[in-house]
C-alpha atoms as a PDB file:
ATOM      1  CA  MET A   1      19.014  19.931   7.219  1.00  0.00           C
ATOM      2  CA  ASN A   2      20.326  17.972   4.247  1.00  0.00           C
ATOM      3  CA  THR A   3      18.108  18.685   1.235  1.00  0.00           C
ATOM      4  CA  ILE A   4      17.509  14.963   0.694  1.00  0.00           C
ATOM      5  CA  LEU A   5      16.016  14.683   4.174  1.00  0.00           C
ATOM      6  CA  GLU A   6      14.332  18.076   3.926  1.00  0.00           C
ATOM      7  CA  THR A   7      12.284  17.092   0.886  1.00  0.00           C
ATOM      8  CA  ARG A   8      11.271  13.810   2.460  1.00  0.00           C
ATOM      9  CA  THR A   9      10.218  15.581   5.640  1.00  0.00           C
ATOM     10  CA  TRP A  10       8.331  18.235   3.664  1.00  0.00           C
ATOM     11  CA  ARG A  11       6.433  15.674   1.606  1.00  0.00           C
ATOM     12  CA  TYR A  12       3.247  14.198   3.007  1.00  0.00           C
ATOM     13  CA  ALA A  13       0.149  12.510   1.609  1.00  0.00           C
ATOM     14  CA  THR A  14      -1.818  15.630   0.752  1.00  0.00           C
ATOM     15  CA  LYS A  15      -5.455  15.270   1.721  1.00  0.00           C
ATOM     16  CA  LYS A  16      -6.729  18.587   0.357  1.00  0.00           C
ATOM     17  CA  PHE A  17      -5.421  20.140  -2.829  1.00  0.00           C
ATOM     18  CA  ASP A  18      -5.960  23.723  -3.922  1.00  0.00           C
ATOM     19  CA  PRO A  19      -8.063  23.306  -7.086  1.00  0.00           C
ATOM     20  CA  THR A  20      -7.056  26.785  -8.314  1.00  0.00           C
ATOM     21  CA  LYS A  21      -3.378  25.876  -8.636  1.00  0.00           C
ATOM     22  CA  GLU A  22      -2.046  23.831 -11.535  1.00  0.00           C
ATOM     23  CA  VAL A  23       1.319  22.210 -12.108  1.00  0.00           C
ATOM     24  CA  SER A  24       3.005  24.018 -14.980  1.00  0.00           C
ATOM     25  CA  GLU A  25       3.612  22.208 -18.245  1.00  0.00           C
ATOM     26  CA  ALA A  26       7.367  22.629 -17.771  1.00  0.00           C
ATOM     27  CA  ASP A  27       7.279  21.037 -14.310  1.00  0.00           C
ATOM     28  CA  LEU A  28       4.984  18.271 -15.525  1.00  0.00           C
ATOM     29  CA  GLN A  29       7.375  17.386 -18.331  1.00  0.00           C
ATOM     30  CA  LEU A  30      10.256  17.365 -15.859  1.00  0.00           C
ATOM     31  CA  LEU A  31       8.351  14.967 -13.594  1.00  0.00           C
ATOM     32  CA  LEU A  32       7.480  12.693 -16.497  1.00  0.00           C
ATOM     33  CA  GLU A  33      11.087  12.597 -17.682  1.00  0.00           C
ATOM     34  CA  ALA A  34      12.300  11.805 -14.156  1.00  0.00           C
ATOM     35  CA  THR A  35       9.775   8.966 -14.085  1.00  0.00           C
ATOM     36  CA  ARG A  36      10.843   7.724 -17.526  1.00  0.00           C
ATOM     37  CA  LEU A  37      14.413   7.511 -16.266  1.00  0.00           C
ATOM     38  CA  SER A  38      13.415   5.462 -13.230  1.00  0.00           C
ATOM     39  CA  ALA A  39      15.050   2.131 -12.518  1.00  0.00           C
ATOM     40  CA  SER A  40      13.264  -0.982 -13.775  1.00  0.00           C
ATOM     41  CA  SER A  41      14.192  -4.657 -13.644  1.00  0.00           C
ATOM     42  CA  TYR A  42      16.043  -5.570 -16.860  1.00  0.00           C
ATOM     43  CA  GLY A  43      15.084  -2.066 -18.040  1.00  0.00           C
ATOM     44  CA  LEU A  44      11.791  -3.462 -19.349  1.00  0.00           C
ATOM     45  CA  GLN A  45       9.344  -0.925 -17.809  1.00  0.00           C
ATOM     46  CA  PRO A  46       6.286  -3.217 -18.078  1.00  0.00           C
ATOM     47  CA  TYR A  47       3.736  -0.504 -17.323  1.00  0.00           C
ATOM     48  CA  HIS A  48       2.072   2.566 -18.784  1.00  0.00           C
ATOM     49  CA  ILE A  49       1.223   5.849 -17.067  1.00  0.00           C
ATOM     50  CA  TYR A  50      -1.960   7.789 -17.804  1.00  0.00           C
ATOM     51  CA  VAL A  51      -1.812  11.526 -17.069  1.00  0.00           C
ATOM     52  CA  ILE A  52      -5.313  12.852 -16.494  1.00  0.00           C
ATOM     53  CA  THR A  53      -6.416  16.487 -16.441  1.00  0.00           C
ATOM     54  CA  ASP A  54      -9.829  16.212 -18.111  1.00  0.00           C
ATOM     55  CA  LYS A  55     -12.380  17.373 -15.539  1.00  0.00           C
ATOM     56  CA  ALA A  56     -15.154  15.151 -16.815  1.00  0.00           C
ATOM     57  CA  LEU A  57     -12.927  12.089 -16.616  1.00  0.00           C
ATOM     58  CA  LYS A  58     -11.760  13.029 -13.120  1.00  0.00           C
ATOM     59  CA  ALA A  59     -15.390  13.358 -12.027  1.00  0.00           C
ATOM     60  CA  LYS A  60     -16.059   9.912 -13.454  1.00  0.00           C
ATOM     61  CA  LEU A  61     -13.113   8.428 -11.574  1.00  0.00           C
ATOM     62  CA  ARG A  62     -13.976   9.986  -8.214  1.00  0.00           C
ATOM     63  CA  PRO A  63     -16.746   7.515  -7.252  1.00  0.00           C
ATOM     64  CA  ALA A  64     -14.336   4.686  -8.152  1.00  0.00           C
ATOM     65  CA  SER A  65     -11.799   6.323  -5.813  1.00  0.00           C
ATOM     66  CA  TRP A  66     -13.841   6.024  -2.624  1.00  0.00           C
ATOM     67  CA  ASN A  67     -15.136   9.544  -3.348  1.00  0.00           C
ATOM     68  CA  GLN A  68     -11.835  11.125  -2.342  1.00  0.00           C
ATOM     69  CA  SER A  69     -11.716  14.836  -3.213  1.00  0.00           C
ATOM     70  CA  GLN A  70      -8.084  14.681  -4.359  1.00  0.00           C
ATOM     71  CA  ILE A  71      -9.210  13.106  -7.613  1.00  0.00           C
ATOM     72  CA  GLU A  72     -11.017  16.238  -8.718  1.00  0.00           C
ATOM     73  CA  ASP A  73      -9.069  18.910  -6.848  1.00  0.00           C
ATOM     74  CA  ALA A  74      -5.518  17.895  -7.732  1.00  0.00           C
ATOM     75  CA  SER A  75      -3.909  19.414 -10.796  1.00  0.00           C
ATOM     76  CA  HIS A  76      -3.160  16.041 -12.393  1.00  0.00           C
ATOM     77  CA  ILE A  77      -4.010  12.417 -11.703  1.00  0.00           C
ATOM     78  CA  LEU A  78      -1.470   9.829 -12.769  1.00  0.00           C
ATOM     79  CA  VAL A  79      -2.640   6.244 -13.086  1.00  0.00           C
ATOM     80  CA  PHE A  80       0.116   3.635 -13.143  1.00  0.00           C
ATOM     81  CA  ALA A  81      -1.154   0.656 -15.121  1.00  0.00           C
ATOM     82  CA  ASN A  82       0.930  -2.516 -15.062  1.00  0.00           C
ATOM     83  CA  ALA A  83       0.906  -5.118 -17.808  1.00  0.00           C
ATOM     84  CA  SER A  84      -1.555  -7.827 -16.761  1.00  0.00           C
ATOM     85  CA  ASP A  85       0.380 -10.424 -18.738  1.00  0.00           C
ATOM     86  CA  PHE A  86       3.116 -10.432 -21.333  1.00  0.00           C
ATOM     87  CA  GLY A  87       4.970 -12.612 -23.786  1.00  0.00           C
ATOM     88  CA  ALA A  88       8.143 -12.429 -25.834  1.00  0.00           C
ATOM     89  CA  GLU A  89       7.056  -9.075 -27.274  1.00  0.00           C
ATOM     90  CA  LEU A  90       8.018  -7.320 -24.021  1.00  0.00           C
ATOM     91  CA  VAL A  91      11.622  -8.479 -24.276  1.00  0.00           C
ATOM     92  CA  ASP A  92      11.811  -8.151 -28.061  1.00  0.00           C
ATOM     93  CA  GLY A  93      10.570  -4.562 -27.944  1.00  0.00           C
ATOM     94  CA  TYR A  94      13.165  -3.680 -25.324  1.00  0.00           C
ATOM     95  CA  LEU A  95      16.003  -5.263 -27.305  1.00  0.00           C
ATOM     96  CA  GLU A  96      14.946  -3.343 -30.410  1.00  0.00           C
ATOM     97  CA  ASN A  97      15.115  -0.143 -28.360  1.00  0.00           C
ATOM     98  CA  VAL A  98      18.573  -1.078 -27.043  1.00  0.00           C
ATOM     99  CA  SER A  99      19.807  -1.786 -30.570  1.00  0.00           C
ATOM    100  CA  GLU A 100      18.558   1.569 -31.865  1.00  0.00           C
ATOM    101  CA  THR A 101      19.596   3.639 -28.834  1.00  0.00           C
ATOM    102  CA  ARG A 102      23.096   2.216 -28.483  1.00  0.00           C
ATOM    103  CA  ASN A 103      23.635   1.545 -32.191  1.00  0.00           C
ATOM    104  CA  VAL A 104      24.535  -2.086 -31.660  1.00  0.00           C
ATOM    105  CA  PRO A 105      23.587  -5.080 -33.845  1.00  0.00           C
ATOM    106  CA  ALA A 106      20.380  -6.774 -32.723  1.00  0.00           C
ATOM    107  CA  GLU A 107      21.908 -10.229 -33.168  1.00  0.00           C
ATOM    108  CA  GLY A 108      24.490  -9.393 -30.534  1.00  0.00           C
ATOM    109  CA  LEU A 109      21.704  -9.011 -27.968  1.00  0.00           C
ATOM    110  CA  LYS A 110      20.094 -12.397 -28.578  1.00  0.00           C
ATOM    111  CA  GLY A 111      21.864 -14.113 -25.672  1.00  0.00           C
ATOM    112  CA  TYR A 112      20.637 -11.512 -23.186  1.00  0.00           C
ATOM    113  CA  GLY A 113      17.172 -11.703 -24.670  1.00  0.00           C
ATOM    114  CA  ASP A 114      17.081 -15.469 -24.314  1.00  0.00           C
ATOM    115  CA  PHE A 115      18.211 -15.116 -20.698  1.00  0.00           C
ATOM    116  CA  MET A 116      15.371 -12.699 -19.884  1.00  0.00           C
ATOM    117  CA  LYS A 117      12.814 -14.839 -21.649  1.00  0.00           C
ATOM    118  CA  ALA A 118      13.946 -17.921 -19.734  1.00  0.00           C
ATOM    119  CA  LYS A 119      13.517 -16.052 -16.447  1.00  0.00           C
ATOM    120  CA  LEU A 120      10.230 -14.309 -17.189  1.00  0.00           C
ATOM    121  CA  LEU A 121       8.113 -16.063 -19.789  1.00  0.00           C
ATOM    122  CA  GLU A 122       7.619 -19.278 -17.843  1.00  0.00           C
ATOM    123  CA  LEU A 123       6.182 -17.445 -14.830  1.00  0.00           C
ATOM    124  CA  PRO A 124       2.483 -18.052 -14.123  1.00  0.00           C
ATOM    125  CA  SER A 125       0.225 -15.204 -15.258  1.00  0.00           C
ATOM    126  CA  GLU A 126      -0.472 -14.151 -11.674  1.00  0.00           C
ATOM    127  CA  SER A 127       3.258 -13.932 -10.932  1.00  0.00           C
ATOM    128  CA  LYS A 128       3.801 -11.887 -14.076  1.00  0.00           C
ATOM    129  CA  SER A 129       1.137  -9.412 -13.009  1.00  0.00           C
ATOM    130  CA  THR A 130       2.616  -9.150  -9.511  1.00  0.00           C
ATOM    131  CA  TRP A 131       6.072  -8.521 -10.945  1.00  0.00           C
ATOM    132  CA  THR A 132       4.916  -5.838 -13.366  1.00  0.00           C
ATOM    133  CA  ALA A 133       2.990  -4.077 -10.587  1.00  0.00           C
ATOM    134  CA  LYS A 134       6.161  -4.022  -8.471  1.00  0.00           C
ATOM    135  CA  GLN A 135       7.996  -2.400 -11.364  1.00  0.00           C
ATOM    136  CA  ALA A 136       5.300   0.264 -11.593  1.00  0.00           C
ATOM    137  CA  TYR A 137       5.741   1.017  -7.889  1.00  0.00           C
ATOM    138  CA  ILE A 138       9.466   1.673  -8.388  1.00  0.00           C
ATOM    139  CA  ALA A 139       8.651   4.395 -10.926  1.00  0.00           C
ATOM    140  CA  PHE A 140       5.848   5.616  -8.677  1.00  0.00           C
ATOM    141  CA  GLY A 141       8.255   6.186  -5.777  1.00  0.00           C
ATOM    142  CA  ASN A 142      10.701   8.002  -8.026  1.00  0.00           C
ATOM    143  CA  LEU A 143       7.960  10.319  -9.227  1.00  0.00           C
ATOM    144  CA  MET A 144       6.938  11.207  -5.679  1.00  0.00           C
ATOM    145  CA  GLN A 145      10.488  12.139  -4.728  1.00  0.00           C
ATOM    146  CA  ALA A 146      11.015  14.163  -7.915  1.00  0.00           C
ATOM    147  CA  ALA A 147       7.817  16.065  -7.130  1.00  0.00           C
ATOM    148  CA  ALA A 148       8.989  16.765  -3.585  1.00  0.00           C
ATOM    149  CA  GLU A 149      12.225  18.195  -4.964  1.00  0.00           C
ATOM    150  CA  LEU A 150      10.113  20.620  -7.013  1.00  0.00           C
ATOM    151  CA  LYS A 151       7.886  21.354  -3.996  1.00  0.00           C
ATOM    152  CA  ILE A 152       4.942  19.806  -5.799  1.00  0.00           C
ATOM    153  CA  ASP A 153       2.556  17.991  -3.497  1.00  0.00           C
ATOM    154  CA  THR A 154       1.448  14.419  -4.030  1.00  0.00           C
ATOM    155  CA  CYS A 155      -0.979  11.931  -2.596  1.00  0.00           C
ATOM    156  CA  PRO A 156      -0.313   8.231  -3.253  1.00  0.00           C
ATOM    157  CA  MET A 157      -3.642   6.460  -3.548  1.00  0.00           C
ATOM    158  CA  GLU A 158      -4.452   2.778  -3.300  1.00  0.00           C
ATOM    159  CA  GLY A 159      -7.979   3.585  -2.154  1.00  0.00           C
ATOM    160  CA  PHE A 160      -9.740   2.955  -5.442  1.00  0.00           C
ATOM    161  CA  GLU A 161     -11.496   0.161  -7.303  1.00  0.00           C
ATOM    162  CA  PRO A 162      -9.097  -1.180  -9.962  1.00  0.00           C
ATOM    163  CA  GLU A 163     -11.839  -2.964 -11.884  1.00  0.00           C
ATOM    164  CA  GLN A 164     -13.785   0.284 -12.264  1.00  0.00           C
ATOM    165  CA  TYR A 165     -10.657   2.182 -13.293  1.00  0.00           C
ATOM    166  CA  ASN A 166      -9.923  -0.524 -15.843  1.00  0.00           C
ATOM    167  CA  GLU A 167     -13.396  -0.151 -17.278  1.00  0.00           C
ATOM    168  CA  ILE A 168     -13.456   3.650 -17.319  1.00  0.00           C
ATOM    169  CA  LEU A 169     -10.002   3.963 -18.875  1.00  0.00           C
ATOM    170  CA  GLY A 170     -10.371   0.962 -21.182  1.00  0.00           C
ATOM    171  CA  LEU A 171      -7.370  -0.791 -19.691  1.00  0.00           C
ATOM    172  CA  THR A 172      -8.526  -4.410 -19.854  1.00  0.00           C
ATOM    173  CA  GLU A 173      -8.537  -4.505 -23.649  1.00  0.00           C
ATOM    174  CA  LYS A 174      -5.009  -3.078 -23.546  1.00  0.00           C
ATOM    175  CA  ASN A 175      -3.877  -5.931 -21.294  1.00  0.00           C
ATOM    176  CA  GLN A 176      -3.309  -3.449 -18.462  1.00  0.00           C
ATOM    177  CA  ASN A 177      -4.452  -3.078 -14.872  1.00  0.00           C
ATOM    178  CA  ALA A 178      -4.641   0.035 -12.691  1.00  0.00           C
ATOM    179  CA  ALA A 179      -2.026  -0.626 -10.010  1.00  0.00           C
ATOM    180  CA  VAL A 180      -1.735   2.647  -8.103  1.00  0.00           C
ATOM    181  CA  VAL A 181      -2.774   6.281  -8.469  1.00  0.00           C
ATOM    182  CA  LEU A 182      -0.886   9.495  -7.729  1.00  0.00           C
ATOM    183  CA  ALA A 183      -2.537  12.882  -7.349  1.00  0.00           C
ATOM    184  CA  ILE A 184      -0.196  15.844  -7.879  1.00  0.00           C
ATOM    185  CA  GLY A 185      -0.715  19.557  -7.324  1.00  0.00           C
ATOM    186  CA  TYR A 186      -0.449  22.021  -4.480  1.00  0.00           C
ATOM    187  CA  ARG A 187      -1.717  21.682  -0.928  1.00  0.00           C
ATOM    188  CA  SER A 188      -4.638  23.699   0.299  1.00  0.00           C
ATOM    189  CA  GLU A 189      -3.948  26.029   3.213  1.00  0.00           C
ATOM    190  CA  SER A 190      -6.895  24.379   4.965  1.00  0.00           C
ATOM    191  CA  ASP A 191      -5.287  20.922   4.893  1.00  0.00           C
ATOM    192  CA  GLU A 192      -4.485  20.378   8.559  1.00  0.00           C
ATOM    193  CA  THR A 193      -2.528  17.223   7.714  1.00  0.00           C
ATOM    194  CA  GLN A 194       0.418  19.318   6.553  1.00  0.00           C
ATOM    195  CA  HIS A 195       1.066  20.383  10.136  1.00  0.00           C
ATOM    196  CA  TYR A 196       1.211  16.867  11.574  1.00  0.00           C
ATOM    197  CA  ALA A 197       4.582  15.543  12.702  1.00  0.00           C
ATOM    198  CA  LYS A 198       5.793  12.725  10.465  1.00  0.00           C
ATOM    199  CA  VAL A 199       5.448   9.388  12.250  1.00  0.00           C
ATOM    200  CA  ARG A 200       7.892   6.661  11.282  1.00  0.00           C
ATOM    201  CA  LYS A 201       9.649   3.770  13.004  1.00  0.00           C
ATOM    202  CA  SER A 202      12.946   4.570  14.731  1.00  0.00           C
ATOM    203  CA  LYS A 203      16.211   3.569  13.043  1.00  0.00           C
ATOM    204  CA  GLU A 204      16.752   0.976  15.757  1.00  0.00           C
ATOM    205  CA  GLU A 205      13.418  -0.650  15.032  1.00  0.00           C
ATOM    206  CA  LEU A 206      13.621  -0.448  11.275  1.00  0.00           C
ATOM    207  CA  PHE A 207      17.228  -1.408  10.503  1.00  0.00           C
ATOM    208  CA  THR A 208      19.458  -4.321  11.386  1.00  0.00           C
ATOM    209  CA  LEU A 209      23.144  -3.920  10.638  1.00  0.00           C
ATOM    210  CA  LEU A 210      24.900  -7.232   9.977  1.00  0.00           C
END
């Protein structure tokens, strides 16, 4: 089987992690770099990712995660927090990064900056939050696939209380909101879910070729 399809078939939403197995620091850094390089609209990356290993903090987050065991048993918990709102600083910070990274004059980027600001800054706050959350999900998907390529198990989790996460992690005062959570680690041998056949729509049902 093609390795692209093999990794996607191998990956599943792990329900039971082996708490004795930890993702190595080298593999973690590789996953984080793959996530950093993920696509993002305009390249703005309007989100922040919290990487949690502290056992006490994990225990605190578990009740806010519908008491799911993955929170404590997984090697790492990654919380993708999208920007709740933003202003010109989001674009200006990106343009400064472009200028430094590509060694180009900042004034030469003003036209592109004005274009982005015209498209984004007039959006209602709710629309801004929705857009930034979508950007976080793009990086989230890239991280899951990178993990599968390393044979590191993941469990994408939307079963949590964002308001409680925001309070526990102090996100509200940072103008951030917990959008989605990813547990990473290694599956437990007792997780029967790993043996289930993957159920997806057929190509005929899912795709329309025009």
